Amino acid sequence: EVLAPSFDGTAYTYRVRVRSATASGTATVTASVRDAAGNVSEQIVQAEIDAERPDLSITVSPDPPRGGGSVLISVTSSEPLDQFPEVVASLDGQTPLPLDLPTQTGNTYEFLCLADELAVVAASAVDPAGNTGQAVLTFADLSVSSEELTLSAIPNLGLDVTVEAPIHNSGQARVENIPVRFMAGDLLEQNQLGADQYVSLDPGQSVVVGALWPAAEQTADAAVFVVIDPDETLLETDESNNLALRGPVVAVQQLDAQTHLITDMS
């Protein structure tokens, strides 16, 4: 598609729009002109078409981006750019966090995010041929709350107890097959309750998982724990919310009455 030409008094300049489906490579350009007397002149030239989008890659330091007071964002392009990439860092994928002015070393551009943590980094860049490249880096954030950890019955009364807790993905990336472990005991020693539960969650999703605490394994001073990603293999923006506990929950039978004194020490 030939766009409207420009004329500087001696020469015409034409811009040609190439459809994105056109492959990069050599193309033949034919130019024909006719003067006022009807004379025709024609010239054929070879032109190189660049339809390749620049490939962008994003890295952050620290990785995962949390707890450092600021986050250094590096965007690397597969080819030179006419100008700095546009970068948006956020916690929710929408509200931008403040960035310092970028610096450039070769095809790598660095931006300092003046925030303690972030969950999404989006970058876009245009090469000299006008092709646009984009990249997005996202992080998950799984969480569990002690306030939401529930017991189906009072421990130490001879009953099996079901322990349940909702697991939330409040980050911006999907997680796959992340283990959740239930345990009972004191702060120094715990016994695992059943096998690990595995969760897969999209951003904003939650799921309730649970485990059985057999009556024979209950002790008077035991607390119940649930831990997300106990081996710390998942990169998250916040790992301080991966542990919840309830207890110790103590049930003491009164010697002179068929009642129990219930104390929740959590």
C-alpha atoms as a PDB file:
ATOM      1  CA  GLU A   1       0.000   0.000   0.000  1.00  0.00           C
ATOM      2  CA  VAL A   2       1.508   3.315  -1.138  1.00  0.00           C
ATOM      3  CA  LEU A   3       0.846   6.213   1.195  1.00  0.00           C
ATOM      4  CA  ALA A   4       0.495   9.855   0.121  1.00  0.00           C
ATOM      5  CA  PRO A   5       3.847  11.126  -1.225  1.00  0.00           C
ATOM      6  CA  SER A   6       5.673  14.236  -0.107  1.00  0.00           C
ATOM      7  CA  PHE A   7       7.439  16.727  -2.423  1.00  0.00           C
ATOM      8  CA  ASP A   8      10.299  19.010  -1.394  1.00  0.00           C
ATOM      9  CA  GLY A   9      10.479  20.946  -4.675  1.00  0.00           C
ATOM     10  CA  THR A  10      12.813  18.555  -6.464  1.00  0.00           C
ATOM     11  CA  ALA A  11      12.012  15.051  -5.279  1.00  0.00           C
ATOM     12  CA  TYR A  12       9.005  12.984  -4.332  1.00  0.00           C
ATOM     13  CA  THR A  13       9.183  10.717  -1.309  1.00  0.00           C
ATOM     14  CA  TYR A  14       6.875   7.726  -0.975  1.00  0.00           C
ATOM     15  CA  ARG A  15       6.196   5.634   2.085  1.00  0.00           C
ATOM     16  CA  VAL A  16       4.987   2.075   1.534  1.00  0.00           C
ATOM     17  CA  ARG A  17       2.992   0.207   4.157  1.00  0.00           C
ATOM     18  CA  VAL A  18       3.780  -3.514   4.243  1.00  0.00           C
ATOM     19  CA  ARG A  19       1.177  -5.841   5.721  1.00  0.00           C
ATOM     20  CA  SER A  20       2.270  -7.690   8.846  1.00  0.00           C
ATOM     21  CA  ALA A  21       1.711 -11.029   7.079  1.00  0.00           C
ATOM     22  CA  THR A  22       4.425 -10.165   4.559  1.00  0.00           C
ATOM     23  CA  ALA A  23       7.618 -12.080   5.217  1.00  0.00           C
ATOM     24  CA  SER A  24      10.898 -10.292   5.715  1.00  0.00           C
ATOM     25  CA  GLY A  25      13.293 -10.405   2.774  1.00  0.00           C
ATOM     26  CA  THR A  26      14.066  -8.740  -0.528  1.00  0.00           C
ATOM     27  CA  ALA A  27      11.280  -7.080  -2.520  1.00  0.00           C
ATOM     28  CA  THR A  28      11.216  -5.495  -5.961  1.00  0.00           C
ATOM     29  CA  VAL A  29      10.131  -1.847  -6.134  1.00  0.00           C
ATOM     30  CA  THR A  30       9.168  -0.343  -9.505  1.00  0.00           C
ATOM     31  CA  ALA A  31       8.899   3.438  -9.873  1.00  0.00           C
ATOM     32  CA  SER A  32       7.343   4.988 -13.025  1.00  0.00           C
ATOM     33  CA  VAL A  33       6.971   8.688 -13.790  1.00  0.00           C
ATOM     34  CA  ARG A  34       5.438  10.611 -16.695  1.00  0.00           C
ATOM     35  CA  ASP A  35       6.307  14.210 -17.504  1.00  0.00           C
ATOM     36  CA  ALA A  36       4.025  16.868 -18.992  1.00  0.00           C
ATOM     37  CA  ALA A  37       5.010  15.855 -22.518  1.00  0.00           C
ATOM     38  CA  GLY A  38       4.004  12.243 -21.923  1.00  0.00           C
ATOM     39  CA  ASN A  39       7.524  10.852 -21.648  1.00  0.00           C
ATOM     40  CA  VAL A  40       7.768   7.856 -19.290  1.00  0.00           C
ATOM     41  CA  SER A  41      10.708   6.863 -17.163  1.00  0.00           C
ATOM     42  CA  GLU A  42      10.913   3.702 -15.083  1.00  0.00           C
ATOM     43  CA  GLN A  43      13.388   2.350 -12.569  1.00  0.00           C
ATOM     44  CA  ILE A  44      13.463  -0.956 -10.720  1.00  0.00           C
ATOM     45  CA  VAL A  45      15.290  -1.362  -7.402  1.00  0.00           C
ATOM     46  CA  GLN A  46      15.605  -4.045  -4.741  1.00  0.00           C
ATOM     47  CA  ALA A  47      14.480  -3.199  -1.206  1.00  0.00           C
ATOM     48  CA  GLU A  48      14.823  -5.072   2.065  1.00  0.00           C
ATOM     49  CA  ILE A  49      11.604  -5.621   4.014  1.00  0.00           C
ATOM     50  CA  ASP A  50      11.846  -5.932   7.806  1.00  0.00           C
ATOM     51  CA  ALA A  51       8.621  -7.402   9.177  1.00  0.00           C
ATOM     52  CA  GLU A  52      10.188  -9.045  12.240  1.00  0.00           C
ATOM     53  CA  ARG A  53       9.030  -7.837  15.643  1.00  0.00           C
ATOM     54  CA  PRO A  54      11.788  -7.250  18.189  1.00  0.00           C
ATOM     55  CA  ASP A  55      11.930 -10.007  20.787  1.00  0.00           C
ATOM     56  CA  LEU A  56      11.920  -8.607  24.331  1.00  0.00           C
ATOM     57  CA  SER A  57      12.967 -10.371  27.512  1.00  0.00           C
ATOM     58  CA  ILE A  58      12.444  -9.056  31.050  1.00  0.00           C
ATOM     59  CA  THR A  59      14.395  -9.831  34.196  1.00  0.00           C
ATOM     60  CA  VAL A  60      14.180  -8.324  37.680  1.00  0.00           C
ATOM     61  CA  SER A  61      16.542  -8.054  40.629  1.00  0.00           C
ATOM     62  CA  PRO A  62      15.896  -9.205  43.283  1.00  0.00           C
ATOM     63  CA  ASP A  63      14.084 -12.198  41.822  1.00  0.00           C
ATOM     64  CA  PRO A  64      11.387 -12.622  43.041  1.00  0.00           C
ATOM     65  CA  PRO A  65      10.905  -8.861  43.392  1.00  0.00           C
ATOM     66  CA  ARG A  66      10.295  -8.283  47.081  1.00  0.00           C
ATOM     67  CA  GLY A  67      11.864  -6.929  50.229  1.00  0.00           C
ATOM     68  CA  GLY A  68      14.698  -4.932  48.677  1.00  0.00           C
ATOM     69  CA  GLY A  69      13.288  -1.416  48.912  1.00  0.00           C
ATOM     70  CA  SER A  70      13.474  -1.132  45.107  1.00  0.00           C
ATOM     71  CA  VAL A  71      13.453  -3.446  42.083  1.00  0.00           C
ATOM     72  CA  LEU A  72      15.822  -3.213  39.096  1.00  0.00           C
ATOM     73  CA  ILE A  73      14.022  -4.078  35.844  1.00  0.00           C
ATOM     74  CA  SER A  74      16.095  -5.053  32.792  1.00  0.00           C
ATOM     75  CA  VAL A  75      14.554  -5.213  29.306  1.00  0.00           C
ATOM     76  CA  THR A  76      16.701  -6.736  26.539  1.00  0.00           C
ATOM     77  CA  SER A  77      15.808  -6.431  22.857  1.00  0.00           C
ATOM     78  CA  SER A  78      16.899  -8.802  20.093  1.00  0.00           C
ATOM     79  CA  GLU A  79      17.743  -5.793  17.900  1.00  0.00           C
ATOM     80  CA  PRO A  80      18.506  -2.071  18.240  1.00  0.00           C
ATOM     81  CA  LEU A  81      15.577   0.235  19.009  1.00  0.00           C
ATOM     82  CA  ASP A  82      14.865   3.811  17.992  1.00  0.00           C
ATOM     83  CA  GLN A  83      13.966   4.765  21.546  1.00  0.00           C
ATOM     84  CA  PHE A  84      13.673   3.382  25.052  1.00  0.00           C
ATOM     85  CA  PRO A  85      11.028   0.686  25.593  1.00  0.00           C
ATOM     86  CA  GLU A  86       7.832   1.607  27.403  1.00  0.00           C
ATOM     87  CA  VAL A  87       7.735  -0.224  30.746  1.00  0.00           C
ATOM     88  CA  VAL A  88       4.885  -0.428  33.257  1.00  0.00           C
ATOM     89  CA  ALA A  89       5.434  -2.113  36.633  1.00  0.00           C
ATOM     90  CA  SER A  90       2.480  -2.739  38.933  1.00  0.00           C
ATOM     91  CA  LEU A  91       1.036  -4.859  41.708  1.00  0.00           C
ATOM     92  CA  ASP A  92      -2.311  -5.402  40.003  1.00  0.00           C
ATOM     93  CA  GLY A  93      -1.489  -5.236  36.292  1.00  0.00           C
ATOM     94  CA  GLN A  94      -3.122  -1.807  36.017  1.00  0.00           C
ATOM     95  CA  THR A  95      -1.832   0.855  38.422  1.00  0.00           C
ATOM     96  CA  PRO A  96       1.733   1.928  37.471  1.00  0.00           C
ATOM     97  CA  LEU A  97       4.454   2.064  40.101  1.00  0.00           C
ATOM     98  CA  PRO A  98       7.058   4.866  39.946  1.00  0.00           C
ATOM     99  CA  LEU A  99      10.127   4.271  37.745  1.00  0.00           C
ATOM    100  CA  ASP A 100      13.387   6.188  37.561  1.00  0.00           C
ATOM    101  CA  LEU A 101      14.737   7.366  34.190  1.00  0.00           C
ATOM    102  CA  PRO A 102      16.129   4.387  32.246  1.00  0.00           C
ATOM    103  CA  THR A 103      19.743   3.688  31.302  1.00  0.00           C
ATOM    104  CA  GLN A 104      20.999   1.813  28.240  1.00  0.00           C
ATOM    105  CA  THR A 105      23.861  -0.601  27.646  1.00  0.00           C
ATOM    106  CA  GLY A 106      23.768  -2.011  24.121  1.00  0.00           C
ATOM    107  CA  ASN A 107      20.327  -3.489  23.572  1.00  0.00           C
ATOM    108  CA  THR A 108      19.598  -3.750  27.306  1.00  0.00           C
ATOM    109  CA  TYR A 109      17.597  -1.049  29.071  1.00  0.00           C
ATOM    110  CA  GLU A 110      17.396  -0.786  32.863  1.00  0.00           C
ATOM    111  CA  PHE A 111      14.625   0.813  34.914  1.00  0.00           C
ATOM    112  CA  LEU A 112      14.659   1.218  38.701  1.00  0.00           C
ATOM    113  CA  CYS A 113      11.223   0.692  40.262  1.00  0.00           C
ATOM    114  CA  LEU A 114      10.895   2.693  43.456  1.00  0.00           C
ATOM    115  CA  ALA A 115       8.734   0.146  45.257  1.00  0.00           C
ATOM    116  CA  ASP A 116       9.432  -2.677  47.679  1.00  0.00           C
ATOM    117  CA  GLU A 117       7.747  -5.306  45.515  1.00  0.00           C
ATOM    118  CA  LEU A 118       5.821  -5.769  42.277  1.00  0.00           C
ATOM    119  CA  ALA A 119       3.778  -8.485  40.577  1.00  0.00           C
ATOM    120  CA  VAL A 120       3.636  -7.526  36.880  1.00  0.00           C
ATOM    121  CA  VAL A 121       6.130  -5.955  34.463  1.00  0.00           C
ATOM    122  CA  ALA A 122       4.933  -5.152  30.925  1.00  0.00           C
ATOM    123  CA  ALA A 123       7.263  -3.831  28.207  1.00  0.00           C
ATOM    124  CA  SER A 124       6.723  -2.736  24.612  1.00  0.00           C
ATOM    125  CA  ALA A 125       9.218  -1.401  22.075  1.00  0.00           C
ATOM    126  CA  VAL A 126       9.357  -0.297  18.433  1.00  0.00           C
ATOM    127  CA  ASP A 127      12.270  -1.042  16.097  1.00  0.00           C
ATOM    128  CA  PRO A 128      13.488   1.326  13.324  1.00  0.00           C
ATOM    129  CA  ALA A 129      11.185  -0.378  10.801  1.00  0.00           C
ATOM    130  CA  GLY A 130       8.129   0.326  12.969  1.00  0.00           C
ATOM    131  CA  ASN A 131       7.602  -3.237  14.213  1.00  0.00           C
ATOM    132  CA  THR A 132       6.331  -3.484  17.786  1.00  0.00           C
ATOM    133  CA  GLY A 133       7.468  -6.125  20.271  1.00  0.00           C
ATOM    134  CA  GLN A 134       5.895  -6.850  23.648  1.00  0.00           C
ATOM    135  CA  ALA A 135       6.680  -8.922  26.730  1.00  0.00           C
ATOM    136  CA  VAL A 136       5.077  -9.459  30.142  1.00  0.00           C
ATOM    137  CA  LEU A 137       6.639 -10.873  33.310  1.00  0.00           C
ATOM    138  CA  THR A 138       4.249 -11.916  36.086  1.00  0.00           C
ATOM    139  CA  PHE A 139       4.588 -13.406  39.557  1.00  0.00           C
ATOM    140  CA  ALA A 140       2.165 -15.383  41.693  1.00  0.00           C
ATOM    141  CA  ASP A 141       1.354 -14.805  45.357  1.00  0.00           C
ATOM    142  CA  LEU A 142      -0.294 -17.669  47.215  1.00  0.00           C
ATOM    143  CA  SER A 143      -1.584 -16.966  50.712  1.00  0.00           C
ATOM    144  CA  VAL A 144      -3.314 -18.630  53.645  1.00  0.00           C
ATOM    145  CA  SER A 145      -4.719 -16.963  56.761  1.00  0.00           C
ATOM    146  CA  SER A 146      -4.748 -18.220  60.351  1.00  0.00           C
ATOM    147  CA  GLU A 147      -8.189 -16.611  60.750  1.00  0.00           C
ATOM    148  CA  GLU A 148      -9.567 -18.869  58.004  1.00  0.00           C
ATOM    149  CA  LEU A 149      -8.051 -22.116  59.335  1.00  0.00           C
ATOM    150  CA  THR A 150     -10.932 -24.173  60.748  1.00  0.00           C
ATOM    151  CA  LEU A 151     -11.352 -27.376  62.783  1.00  0.00           C
ATOM    152  CA  SER A 152     -14.399 -29.602  62.446  1.00  0.00           C
ATOM    153  CA  ALA A 153     -14.388 -30.509  66.156  1.00  0.00           C
ATOM    154  CA  ILE A 154     -12.603 -29.753  69.415  1.00  0.00           C
ATOM    155  CA  PRO A 155      -9.352 -31.740  69.665  1.00  0.00           C
ATOM    156  CA  ASN A 156      -8.496 -34.133  72.519  1.00  0.00           C
ATOM    157  CA  LEU A 157     -12.062 -35.310  73.037  1.00  0.00           C
ATOM    158  CA  GLY A 158     -11.519 -38.635  71.288  1.00  0.00           C
ATOM    159  CA  LEU A 159     -12.762 -37.448  67.893  1.00  0.00           C
ATOM    160  CA  ASP A 160     -11.027 -37.312  64.541  1.00  0.00           C
ATOM    161  CA  VAL A 161     -10.759 -33.671  63.450  1.00  0.00           C
ATOM    162  CA  THR A 162     -10.839 -32.349  59.889  1.00  0.00           C
ATOM    163  CA  VAL A 163      -8.590 -29.318  59.355  1.00  0.00           C
ATOM    164  CA  GLU A 164      -9.444 -27.038  56.433  1.00  0.00           C
ATOM    165  CA  ALA A 165      -8.080 -23.785  55.012  1.00  0.00           C
ATOM    166  CA  PRO A 166      -8.725 -21.772  51.831  1.00  0.00           C
ATOM    167  CA  ILE A 167      -5.679 -21.119  49.646  1.00  0.00           C
ATOM    168  CA  HIS A 168      -5.752 -17.856  47.677  1.00  0.00           C
ATOM    169  CA  ASN A 169      -3.826 -16.720  44.598  1.00  0.00           C
ATOM    170  CA  SER A 170      -3.713 -12.946  44.990  1.00  0.00           C
ATOM    171  CA  GLY A 171      -0.870 -12.577  42.481  1.00  0.00           C
ATOM    172  CA  GLN A 172      -0.944 -12.044  38.729  1.00  0.00           C
ATOM    173  CA  ALA A 173       0.259 -15.427  37.436  1.00  0.00           C
ATOM    174  CA  ARG A 174      -1.312 -18.884  37.319  1.00  0.00           C
ATOM    175  CA  VAL A 175       0.279 -21.552  39.502  1.00  0.00           C
ATOM    176  CA  GLU A 176       0.361 -25.277  38.751  1.00  0.00           C
ATOM    177  CA  ASN A 177       0.585 -28.197  41.204  1.00  0.00           C
ATOM    178  CA  ILE A 178       1.890 -26.302  44.241  1.00  0.00           C
ATOM    179  CA  PRO A 179       2.013 -28.459  47.410  1.00  0.00           C
ATOM    180  CA  VAL A 180       0.124 -27.530  50.572  1.00  0.00           C
ATOM    181  CA  ARG A 181       1.122 -29.389  53.760  1.00  0.00           C
ATOM    182  CA  PHE A 182      -0.835 -29.815  56.986  1.00  0.00           C
ATOM    183  CA  MET A 183       1.024 -30.554  60.232  1.00  0.00           C
ATOM    184  CA  ALA A 184       0.337 -30.817  63.955  1.00  0.00           C
ATOM    185  CA  GLY A 185       2.708 -30.386  66.874  1.00  0.00           C
ATOM    186  CA  ASP A 186       4.638 -27.625  68.590  1.00  0.00           C
ATOM    187  CA  LEU A 187       6.891 -24.973  67.069  1.00  0.00           C
ATOM    188  CA  LEU A 188       9.934 -27.268  67.306  1.00  0.00           C
ATOM    189  CA  GLU A 189       8.487 -30.538  66.057  1.00  0.00           C
ATOM    190  CA  GLN A 190       5.481 -31.306  63.894  1.00  0.00           C
ATOM    191  CA  ASN A 191       3.995 -34.441  62.360  1.00  0.00           C
ATOM    192  CA  GLN A 192       2.557 -34.272  58.867  1.00  0.00           C
ATOM    193  CA  LEU A 193      -1.185 -34.872  58.560  1.00  0.00           C
ATOM    194  CA  GLY A 194      -1.691 -37.050  55.504  1.00  0.00           C
ATOM    195  CA  ALA A 195      -0.137 -36.443  52.108  1.00  0.00           C
ATOM    196  CA  ASP A 196       0.549 -33.060  50.568  1.00  0.00           C
ATOM    197  CA  GLN A 197      -2.394 -31.428  48.772  1.00  0.00           C
ATOM    198  CA  TYR A 198      -1.663 -29.883  45.349  1.00  0.00           C
ATOM    199  CA  VAL A 199      -3.335 -26.715  44.081  1.00  0.00           C
ATOM    200  CA  SER A 200      -3.527 -25.058  40.662  1.00  0.00           C
ATOM    201  CA  LEU A 201      -5.012 -21.560  40.663  1.00  0.00           C
ATOM    202  CA  ASP A 202      -5.558 -18.712  38.256  1.00  0.00           C
ATOM    203  CA  PRO A 203      -5.052 -15.136  39.513  1.00  0.00           C
ATOM    204  CA  GLY A 204      -7.841 -14.252  41.930  1.00  0.00           C
ATOM    205  CA  GLN A 205      -8.941 -17.856  42.468  1.00  0.00           C
ATOM    206  CA  SER A 206      -9.174 -19.711  45.788  1.00  0.00           C
ATOM    207  CA  VAL A 207      -9.630 -23.333  46.786  1.00  0.00           C
ATOM    208  CA  VAL A 208     -10.310 -25.050  50.135  1.00  0.00           C
ATOM    209  CA  VAL A 209      -7.997 -27.927  51.052  1.00  0.00           C
ATOM    210  CA  GLY A 210      -8.053 -30.103  54.132  1.00  0.00           C
ATOM    211  CA  ALA A 211      -6.509 -32.973  56.065  1.00  0.00           C
ATOM    212  CA  LEU A 212      -7.598 -35.429  58.764  1.00  0.00           C
ATOM    213  CA  TRP A 213      -6.134 -35.107  62.267  1.00  0.00           C
ATOM    214  CA  PRO A 214      -6.725 -38.544  63.843  1.00  0.00           C
ATOM    215  CA  ALA A 215      -7.789 -38.641  67.476  1.00  0.00           C
ATOM    216  CA  ALA A 216      -4.886 -40.935  68.340  1.00  0.00           C
ATOM    217  CA  GLU A 217      -2.375 -38.286  67.199  1.00  0.00           C
ATOM    218  CA  GLN A 218      -3.886 -35.355  69.128  1.00  0.00           C
ATOM    219  CA  THR A 219      -2.033 -34.046  72.183  1.00  0.00           C
ATOM    220  CA  ALA A 220      -3.044 -31.420  74.699  1.00  0.00           C
ATOM    221  CA  ASP A 221      -0.422 -28.855  73.669  1.00  0.00           C
ATOM    222  CA  ALA A 222      -0.469 -29.362  69.895  1.00  0.00           C
ATOM    223  CA  ALA A 223      -1.107 -26.646  67.334  1.00  0.00           C
ATOM    224  CA  VAL A 224      -2.205 -27.185  63.738  1.00  0.00           C
ATOM    225  CA  PHE A 225      -0.160 -25.742  60.872  1.00  0.00           C
ATOM    226  CA  VAL A 226      -0.714 -25.355  57.139  1.00  0.00           C
ATOM    227  CA  VAL A 227       2.209 -24.424  54.876  1.00  0.00           C
ATOM    228  CA  ILE A 228       2.081 -23.456  51.207  1.00  0.00           C
ATOM    229  CA  ASP A 229       5.066 -24.473  49.083  1.00  0.00           C
ATOM    230  CA  PRO A 230       7.014 -25.960  52.022  1.00  0.00           C
ATOM    231  CA  ASP A 231      10.142 -26.497  49.898  1.00  0.00           C
ATOM    232  CA  GLU A 232      10.032 -22.881  48.612  1.00  0.00           C
ATOM    233  CA  THR A 233      10.233 -23.734  44.925  1.00  0.00           C
ATOM    234  CA  LEU A 234       7.674 -21.131  43.785  1.00  0.00           C
ATOM    235  CA  LEU A 235       8.838 -17.579  43.079  1.00  0.00           C
ATOM    236  CA  GLU A 236       6.342 -15.273  44.795  1.00  0.00           C
ATOM    237  CA  THR A 237       6.115 -11.581  45.506  1.00  0.00           C
ATOM    238  CA  ASP A 238       5.401 -12.339  49.169  1.00  0.00           C
ATOM    239  CA  GLU A 239       6.273 -15.517  51.065  1.00  0.00           C
ATOM    240  CA  SER A 240       5.425 -14.206  54.543  1.00  0.00           C
ATOM    241  CA  ASN A 241       1.776 -15.241  54.020  1.00  0.00           C
ATOM    242  CA  ASN A 242       2.466 -18.927  53.286  1.00  0.00           C
ATOM    243  CA  LEU A 243       1.961 -20.158  56.855  1.00  0.00           C
ATOM    244  CA  ALA A 244      -1.131 -20.345  59.060  1.00  0.00           C
ATOM    245  CA  LEU A 245      -1.601 -21.959  62.453  1.00  0.00           C
ATOM    246  CA  ARG A 246      -4.333 -22.630  64.974  1.00  0.00           C
ATOM    247  CA  GLY A 247      -3.687 -23.455  68.602  1.00  0.00           C
ATOM    248  CA  PRO A 248      -2.583 -24.891  70.837  1.00  0.00           C
ATOM    249  CA  VAL A 249      -6.207 -25.911  71.417  1.00  0.00           C
ATOM    250  CA  VAL A 250      -6.574 -27.511  74.859  1.00  0.00           C
ATOM    251  CA  ALA A 251      -9.590 -29.490  76.141  1.00  0.00           C
ATOM    252  CA  VAL A 252      -9.480 -30.391  79.840  1.00  0.00           C
ATOM    253  CA  GLN A 253     -12.280 -32.502  81.364  1.00  0.00           C
ATOM    254  CA  GLN A 254     -13.507 -31.223  84.713  1.00  0.00           C
ATOM    255  CA  LEU A 255     -13.313 -33.925  87.406  1.00  0.00           C
ATOM    256  CA  ASP A 256     -16.591 -32.952  89.064  1.00  0.00           C
ATOM    257  CA  ALA A 257     -18.739 -32.324  86.009  1.00  0.00           C
ATOM    258  CA  GLN A 258     -19.381 -33.587  82.517  1.00  0.00           C
ATOM    259  CA  THR A 259     -18.042 -30.383  80.992  1.00  0.00           C
ATOM    260  CA  HIS A 260     -14.854 -29.313  79.314  1.00  0.00           C
ATOM    261  CA  LEU A 261     -12.772 -26.180  79.564  1.00  0.00           C
ATOM    262  CA  ILE A 262     -11.788 -25.134  76.047  1.00  0.00           C
ATOM    263  CA  THR A 263      -8.845 -22.817  75.504  1.00  0.00           C
ATOM    264  CA  ASP A 264      -7.602 -21.692  72.095  1.00  0.00           C
ATOM    265  CA  MET A 265      -4.079 -20.305  72.521  1.00  0.00           C
ATOM    266  CA  SER A 266      -3.700 -19.035  68.946  1.00  0.00           C
END
